[in-house]
Amino acid sequence: MRILVTGANGYLGGRISEHLANQGNDVIALIHHQPDSPDDWLNKMERVIEGDATSRDILLSAMETEVDCVIFAISLDHRVIGKDPFRTLAVNVGILWELLEIYAEKGGGKLIYLSTQQVYGRRSPGDVIREEDILQPVNAYGMTHKFCEDLCELYSRERELNCISVRISNSFGTPIFPSCNCWWLVINDLCKTAWQQGELRLLSDGTPQRDFVAIPDVCQVMETMANLPVSSLSHPVYNLGSGKAHTILEIAHEVSNVCKDRYSKEFPVLLPDGTVSRNANHHRDMPRFKYDISRLKEIGFNPSLDLRPGIEEVLSFLDRLGDSANYL
């Protein structure tokens, strides 16, 4: 199968493109710039197109050969988005819109759009988050992804494209390229902080909840969706997570325990007042939200609920980087 991955030198795009290539697919990688330490990854790609994807010519080049599926993984992250509204719209909305138009003109095919849980907006402990819920994003990041989902729905309905939006919860794991800007993500950040400072300092009381999904699970879902016939994908939108919410306190203690086993020393979890947290289960009885992944389970998805392998993977990555990890 020939698959175009846009944003292929990004955090998710890099891992997805390598996974698909490793599974024997012909991967066309659209990248913004040449990544660091690229040789092994580049050699796995059938073709690499480098350039600014806001240019129609770059998108036409990426689409000049027929593809069976497009996986769209271009997005500014939420810390940058909105600071420049014109660039935000150009990158987070304009590129997809132009690509959908080009794809439709060529006769169409399957496109998988990587969306986000943030399209739902605020949710409370005890809520069940389902794909049919009303979307009420509370920031520009969620808003632009909602708009892109609407574009996918429009082109599916009016231009006979087969577009699927996948709302990812909170992914974690290692990037292909060290320069990928992924170290603000909760588990990655906790691992890096523990590795660099020998402790984990929380900015809250640890009650906020997240549903975490490991990158290998994301990659597996992309492979499954790319290869399944459209008739087997009966929904236009799928939630992608683990289906289990953890408190930040529980995650911090899990990272602390993995670090202790790995490096044979204590890694204290510090609360905002400077006291040391001794009990990972302090908030055990509080209601939990549920990120419903029933639709994905219908196509055979079985999430990895054990966070430890992913945490160990991140720590191994930091160990390999050595002193250079201090500059991430």
Protein backbone atom coordinates (compact mmCIF):
# COMPACT_ATOMS: atom_id res chain seq x y z
CA MET A 1 0.00 0.00 0.00
CA ARG A 2 1.23 3.51 -0.83
CA ILE A 3 0.56 5.96 2.01
CA LEU A 4 1.25 9.69 2.18
CA VAL A 5 2.06 10.95 5.68
CA THR A 6 2.01 14.72 6.08
CA GLY A 7 3.98 16.22 8.94
CA ALA A 8 6.21 13.15 8.78
CA ASN A 9 9.11 14.74 10.66
CA GLY A 10 6.84 15.69 13.57
CA TYR A 11 6.29 13.85 16.83
CA LEU A 12 3.46 11.56 15.75
CA GLY A 13 4.14 11.75 12.01
CA GLY A 14 7.70 10.49 12.42
CA ARG A 15 6.70 7.44 14.43
CA ILE A 16 3.68 6.67 12.23
CA SER A 17 5.65 6.90 8.97
CA GLU A 18 8.42 4.65 10.29
CA HIS A 19 5.94 2.10 11.63
CA LEU A 20 4.08 1.94 8.32
CA ALA A 21 7.34 1.56 6.39
CA ASN A 22 8.48 -1.20 8.75
CA GLN A 23 5.24 -3.04 7.97
CA GLY A 24 6.07 -3.09 4.26
CA ASN A 25 4.07 -0.09 3.07
CA ASP A 26 5.45 2.40 0.55
CA VAL A 27 5.50 5.65 2.51
CA ILE A 28 5.67 9.09 0.93
CA ALA A 29 6.82 11.49 3.65
CA LEU A 30 5.96 15.18 3.47
CA ILE A 31 8.29 17.10 5.79
CA HIS A 32 8.77 20.80 6.52
CA HIS A 33 12.55 20.56 6.88
CA GLN A 34 15.30 17.97 6.97
CA PRO A 35 15.23 16.26 10.38
CA ASP A 36 18.22 15.68 12.63
CA SER A 37 19.88 12.23 12.55
CA PRO A 38 17.72 11.23 9.59
CA ASP A 39 19.60 8.51 7.72
CA ASP A 40 17.91 5.36 9.03
CA TRP A 41 14.47 6.94 8.80
CA LEU A 42 15.05 8.47 5.36
CA ASN A 43 16.20 5.15 3.94
CA LYS A 44 12.87 3.57 4.91
CA MET A 45 10.78 6.12 3.02
CA GLU A 46 9.85 5.53 -0.63
CA ARG A 47 9.97 9.26 -1.26
CA VAL A 48 10.51 12.41 0.79
CA ILE A 49 9.12 15.81 -0.16
CA GLU A 50 10.62 18.73 1.77
CA GLY A 51 9.05 22.17 1.89
CA ASP A 52 6.39 24.46 3.29
CA ALA A 53 3.07 22.64 2.97
CA THR A 54 1.19 25.93 2.83
CA SER A 55 2.46 26.01 -0.78
CA ARG A 56 0.08 24.37 -3.26
CA ASP A 57 3.08 23.32 -5.37
CA ILE A 58 4.49 21.29 -2.47
CA LEU A 59 1.15 19.55 -1.95
CA LEU A 60 0.84 18.84 -5.67
CA SER A 61 4.32 17.30 -5.59
CA ALA A 62 3.33 15.08 -2.67
CA MET A 63 0.21 13.97 -4.55
CA GLU A 64 1.73 13.54 -7.99
CA THR A 65 1.75 9.75 -7.64
CA GLU A 66 -1.41 7.87 -6.76
CA VAL A 67 -1.77 7.05 -3.07
CA ASP A 68 -4.10 4.62 -1.35
CA CYS A 69 -4.34 6.62 1.86
CA VAL A 70 -3.31 9.98 3.33
CA ILE A 71 -2.53 10.33 7.03
CA PHE A 72 -2.67 14.00 7.95
CA ALA A 73 -0.48 14.87 10.95
CA ILE A 74 0.27 18.58 10.49
CA SER A 75 -0.61 20.92 13.36
CA LEU A 76 0.91 23.71 15.39
CA ASP A 77 0.94 22.74 19.05
CA HIS A 78 -1.34 24.46 21.54
CA ARG A 79 1.43 26.59 23.08
CA VAL A 80 2.07 28.35 19.76
CA ILE A 81 -1.33 28.31 18.16
CA GLY A 82 -3.30 31.55 18.24
CA LYS A 83 -0.33 33.86 18.75
CA ASP A 84 -0.43 34.56 15.01
CA PRO A 85 -4.02 34.01 13.84
CA PHE A 86 -3.15 34.17 10.14
CA ARG A 87 -0.40 31.56 10.40
CA THR A 88 -2.58 29.45 12.70
CA LEU A 89 -5.31 29.29 10.08
CA ALA A 90 -2.83 28.75 7.24
CA VAL A 91 -1.15 25.77 8.94
CA ASN A 92 -3.88 24.18 11.00
CA VAL A 93 -6.71 24.65 8.51
CA GLY A 94 -5.46 25.87 5.13
CA ILE A 95 -3.10 22.98 4.39
CA LEU A 96 -5.77 20.34 4.99
CA TRP A 97 -8.33 22.28 2.98
CA GLU A 98 -5.99 22.60 -0.01
CA LEU A 99 -4.99 18.93 0.23
CA LEU A 100 -8.63 17.82 0.34
CA GLU A 101 -9.33 19.84 -2.78
CA ILE A 102 -6.33 18.35 -4.62
CA TYR A 103 -7.27 14.82 -3.51
CA ALA A 104 -10.87 15.31 -4.65
CA GLU A 105 -9.72 16.61 -8.03
CA LYS A 106 -7.61 13.47 -8.46
CA GLY A 107 -10.56 11.22 -7.82
CA GLY A 108 -10.24 10.84 -4.09
CA GLY A 109 -9.40 8.04 -1.72
CA LYS A 110 -9.05 7.59 2.03
CA LEU A 111 -7.79 10.33 4.35
CA ILE A 112 -7.22 9.91 8.08
CA TYR A 113 -7.13 13.20 9.98
CA LEU A 114 -5.37 13.27 13.35
CA SER A 115 -7.64 15.31 15.58
CA THR A 116 -7.63 15.77 19.34
CA GLN A 117 -9.68 15.17 22.47
CA GLN A 118 -9.59 18.94 22.95
CA VAL A 119 -12.43 19.39 20.45
CA TYR A 120 -14.77 18.30 23.26
CA GLY A 121 -13.81 21.16 25.56
CA ARG A 122 -14.06 20.93 29.33
CA ARG A 123 -15.20 17.68 30.85
CA SER A 124 -15.80 16.80 34.50
CA PRO A 125 -14.87 13.72 36.55
CA GLY A 126 -17.53 11.10 35.97
CA ASP A 127 -18.29 12.19 32.39
CA VAL A 128 -18.28 9.68 29.56
CA ILE A 129 -16.82 11.23 26.41
CA ARG A 130 -18.36 9.83 23.24
CA GLU A 131 -17.93 10.76 19.61
CA GLU A 132 -21.52 11.95 19.28
CA ASP A 133 -21.14 14.52 22.08
CA ILE A 134 -21.56 18.20 21.28
CA LEU A 135 -18.16 19.78 20.60
CA GLN A 136 -17.37 22.89 22.64
CA PRO A 137 -13.63 23.62 22.33
CA VAL A 138 -12.29 26.18 24.79
CA ASN A 139 -9.09 27.15 22.95
CA ALA A 140 -7.82 27.84 19.45
CA TYR A 141 -6.13 24.44 19.26
CA GLY A 142 -9.39 22.56 19.75
CA MET A 143 -11.29 25.04 17.59
CA THR A 144 -9.05 24.61 14.53
CA HIS A 145 -9.22 20.83 14.83
CA LYS A 146 -13.01 21.01 15.02
CA PHE A 147 -13.01 23.12 11.87
CA CYS A 148 -10.82 20.55 10.12
CA GLU A 149 -13.17 17.75 11.15
CA ASP A 150 -15.99 19.76 9.60
CA LEU A 151 -13.96 20.06 6.39
CA CYS A 152 -13.43 16.30 6.34
CA GLU A 153 -17.15 15.74 6.79
CA LEU A 154 -17.94 18.21 4.01
CA TYR A 155 -15.56 16.61 1.51
CA SER A 156 -16.80 13.14 2.44
CA ARG A 157 -20.39 14.18 1.82
CA GLU A 158 -20.01 16.46 -1.20
CA ARG A 159 -16.84 15.29 -2.97
CA GLU A 160 -16.94 11.54 -2.32
CA LEU A 161 -13.72 11.38 -0.34
CA ASN A 162 -13.49 8.85 2.48
CA CYS A 163 -12.37 10.98 5.43
CA ILE A 164 -11.99 9.70 8.99
CA SER A 165 -11.19 11.90 11.98
CA VAL A 166 -9.33 10.29 14.90
CA ARG A 167 -9.53 12.18 18.19
CA ILE A 168 -6.37 11.31 20.10
CA SER A 169 -6.40 11.73 23.89
CA ASN A 170 -2.89 12.27 25.35
CA SER A 171 -0.16 10.42 23.50
CA PHE A 172 3.22 9.69 25.05
CA GLY A 173 6.45 8.03 24.03
CA THR A 174 9.68 8.83 22.27
CA PRO A 175 10.09 10.79 19.06
CA ILE A 176 12.09 9.59 16.07
CA PHE A 177 14.02 12.86 16.04
CA PRO A 178 15.42 14.40 19.26
CA SER A 179 14.51 17.90 18.09
CA CYS A 180 10.78 17.09 18.03
CA ASN A 181 8.96 19.44 20.37
CA CYS A 182 7.29 16.83 22.56
CA TRP A 183 8.80 17.38 26.00
CA TRP A 184 5.92 19.50 27.31
CA LEU A 185 3.61 16.47 27.10
CA VAL A 186 2.74 15.26 30.61
CA ILE A 187 4.46 11.87 30.81
CA ASN A 188 7.39 12.92 28.64
CA ASP A 189 7.86 16.02 30.79
CA LEU A 190 7.72 14.07 34.04
CA CYS A 191 10.28 11.58 32.72
CA LYS A 192 12.61 14.35 31.55
CA THR A 193 12.30 16.24 34.85
CA ALA A 194 13.03 13.11 36.88
CA TRP A 195 15.98 12.25 34.62
CA GLN A 196 17.46 15.75 34.82
CA GLN A 197 16.65 16.77 38.38
CA GLY A 198 16.17 13.54 40.31
CA GLU A 199 12.71 14.58 41.47
CA LEU A 200 9.21 15.24 40.14
CA ARG A 201 7.60 18.54 41.12
CA LEU A 202 3.86 18.88 40.51
CA LEU A 203 2.20 22.18 39.68
CA SER A 204 -1.16 21.04 41.11
CA ASP A 205 -2.48 18.81 43.87
CA GLY A 206 -2.39 15.93 41.38
CA THR A 207 -6.16 15.61 40.92
CA PRO A 208 -6.33 16.56 37.19
CA GLN A 209 -7.08 13.50 35.07
CA ARG A 210 -5.79 12.39 31.70
CA ASP A 211 -6.36 9.42 29.40
CA PHE A 212 -2.95 8.40 28.06
CA VAL A 213 -2.30 6.39 24.92
CA ALA A 214 1.12 5.04 23.97
CA ILE A 215 2.48 5.94 20.53
CA PRO A 216 2.76 2.28 19.44
CA ASP A 217 -1.02 2.07 19.93
CA VAL A 218 -1.50 5.18 17.78
CA CYS A 219 0.71 3.65 15.07
CA GLN A 220 -1.20 0.38 15.17
CA VAL A 221 -4.53 2.16 14.77
CA MET A 222 -3.17 4.10 11.78
CA GLU A 223 -1.98 0.88 10.15
CA THR A 224 -5.31 -0.85 10.78
CA MET A 225 -7.36 2.05 9.42
CA ALA A 226 -5.14 2.49 6.38
CA ASN A 227 -5.51 -1.16 5.43
CA LEU A 228 -9.17 -1.77 6.25
CA PRO A 229 -11.70 -1.35 3.44
CA VAL A 230 -13.88 1.70 3.82
CA SER A 231 -16.91 -0.53 4.35
CA SER A 232 -15.32 -1.75 7.61
CA LEU A 233 -14.92 1.81 8.93
CA SER A 234 -18.55 2.58 9.60
CA HIS A 235 -18.04 5.82 11.53
CA PRO A 236 -16.60 9.18 10.40
CA VAL A 237 -15.05 9.87 13.83
CA TYR A 238 -13.20 7.66 16.32
CA ASN A 239 -11.88 8.34 19.82
CA LEU A 240 -8.34 7.03 20.32
CA GLY A 241 -7.19 6.59 23.89
CA SER A 242 -6.78 3.87 26.47
CA GLY A 243 -10.29 4.18 27.90
CA LYS A 244 -8.82 4.62 31.39
CA ALA A 245 -8.26 7.93 33.20
CA HIS A 246 -5.33 8.44 35.57
CA THR A 247 -4.72 11.32 37.95
CA ILE A 248 -1.52 13.28 37.47
CA LEU A 249 -0.48 12.15 40.97
CA GLU A 250 -0.78 8.49 39.95
CA ILE A 251 1.27 9.12 36.81
CA ALA A 252 3.97 10.97 38.75
CA HIS A 253 4.30 8.09 41.20
CA GLU A 254 4.45 5.56 38.35
CA VAL A 255 7.29 7.52 36.74
CA SER A 256 8.99 7.75 40.16
CA ASN A 257 8.73 3.97 40.68
CA VAL A 258 10.11 3.17 37.22
CA CYS A 259 13.01 5.58 37.79
CA LYS A 260 13.72 4.03 41.21
CA ASP A 261 13.86 0.54 39.74
CA ARG A 262 15.96 1.69 36.82
CA TYR A 263 18.50 3.87 38.62
CA SER A 264 18.40 2.37 42.15
CA LYS A 265 17.65 5.59 44.02
CA GLU A 266 14.65 7.56 45.21
CA PHE A 267 12.86 10.06 42.97
CA PRO A 268 10.54 12.02 45.30
CA VAL A 269 7.22 13.39 44.08
CA LEU A 270 6.90 16.96 45.39
CA LEU A 271 3.59 18.76 45.77
CA PRO A 272 3.27 22.52 45.12
CA ASP A 273 3.83 23.34 48.81
CA GLY A 274 7.13 21.45 48.77
CA THR A 275 5.93 18.44 50.75
CA VAL A 276 6.68 14.94 49.50
CA SER A 277 3.73 12.85 48.31
CA ARG A 278 3.85 9.39 49.89
CA ASN A 279 0.59 7.98 48.56
CA ALA A 280 -0.08 7.53 44.84
CA ASN A 281 -3.67 6.50 45.66
CA HIS A 282 -4.54 9.63 47.63
CA HIS A 283 -7.26 10.49 45.08
CA ARG A 284 -8.23 6.91 44.34
CA ASP A 285 -11.92 7.30 45.21
CA MET A 286 -12.63 10.41 43.15
CA PRO A 287 -14.92 9.98 40.11
CA ARG A 288 -13.10 9.38 36.82
CA PHE A 289 -14.06 10.50 33.35
CA LYS A 290 -14.13 7.82 30.67
CA TYR A 291 -12.87 8.34 27.14
CA ASP A 292 -15.10 5.95 25.28
CA ILE A 293 -13.20 3.91 22.65
CA SER A 294 -15.98 1.43 21.83
CA ARG A 295 -15.89 2.32 18.13
CA LEU A 296 -12.21 1.46 17.84
CA LYS A 297 -12.73 -1.77 19.72
CA GLU A 298 -15.24 -2.72 17.03
CA ILE A 299 -12.34 -2.85 14.54
CA GLY A 300 -10.11 -4.84 16.88
CA PHE A 301 -8.25 -2.17 18.85
CA ASN A 302 -6.91 -3.42 22.19
CA PRO A 303 -5.09 -0.62 24.03
CA SER A 304 -1.98 -1.10 26.14
CA LEU A 305 -3.10 -0.22 29.67
CA ASP A 306 0.31 -0.76 31.27
CA LEU A 307 2.10 2.61 31.25
CA ARG A 308 5.41 1.21 32.44
CA PRO A 309 6.84 0.08 29.06
CA GLY A 310 6.20 3.52 27.58
CA ILE A 311 7.85 5.26 30.54
CA GLU A 312 10.85 2.94 30.27
CA GLU A 313 11.07 3.72 26.55
CA VAL A 314 11.24 7.47 27.25
CA LEU A 315 13.92 7.01 29.92
CA SER A 316 15.97 4.79 27.58
CA PHE A 317 15.76 7.52 24.94
CA LEU A 318 17.05 10.10 27.43
CA ASP A 319 19.85 7.73 28.49
CA ARG A 320 20.95 7.38 24.86
CA LEU A 321 21.02 11.13 24.40
CA GLY A 322 23.15 11.55 27.51
CA ASP A 323 24.27 15.12 28.21
CA SER A 324 22.50 16.45 25.11
CA ALA A 325 19.17 15.57 26.77
CA ASN A 326 19.71 18.55 29.07
CA TYR A 327 19.07 20.84 26.10
CA LEU A 328 15.70 19.37 25.13
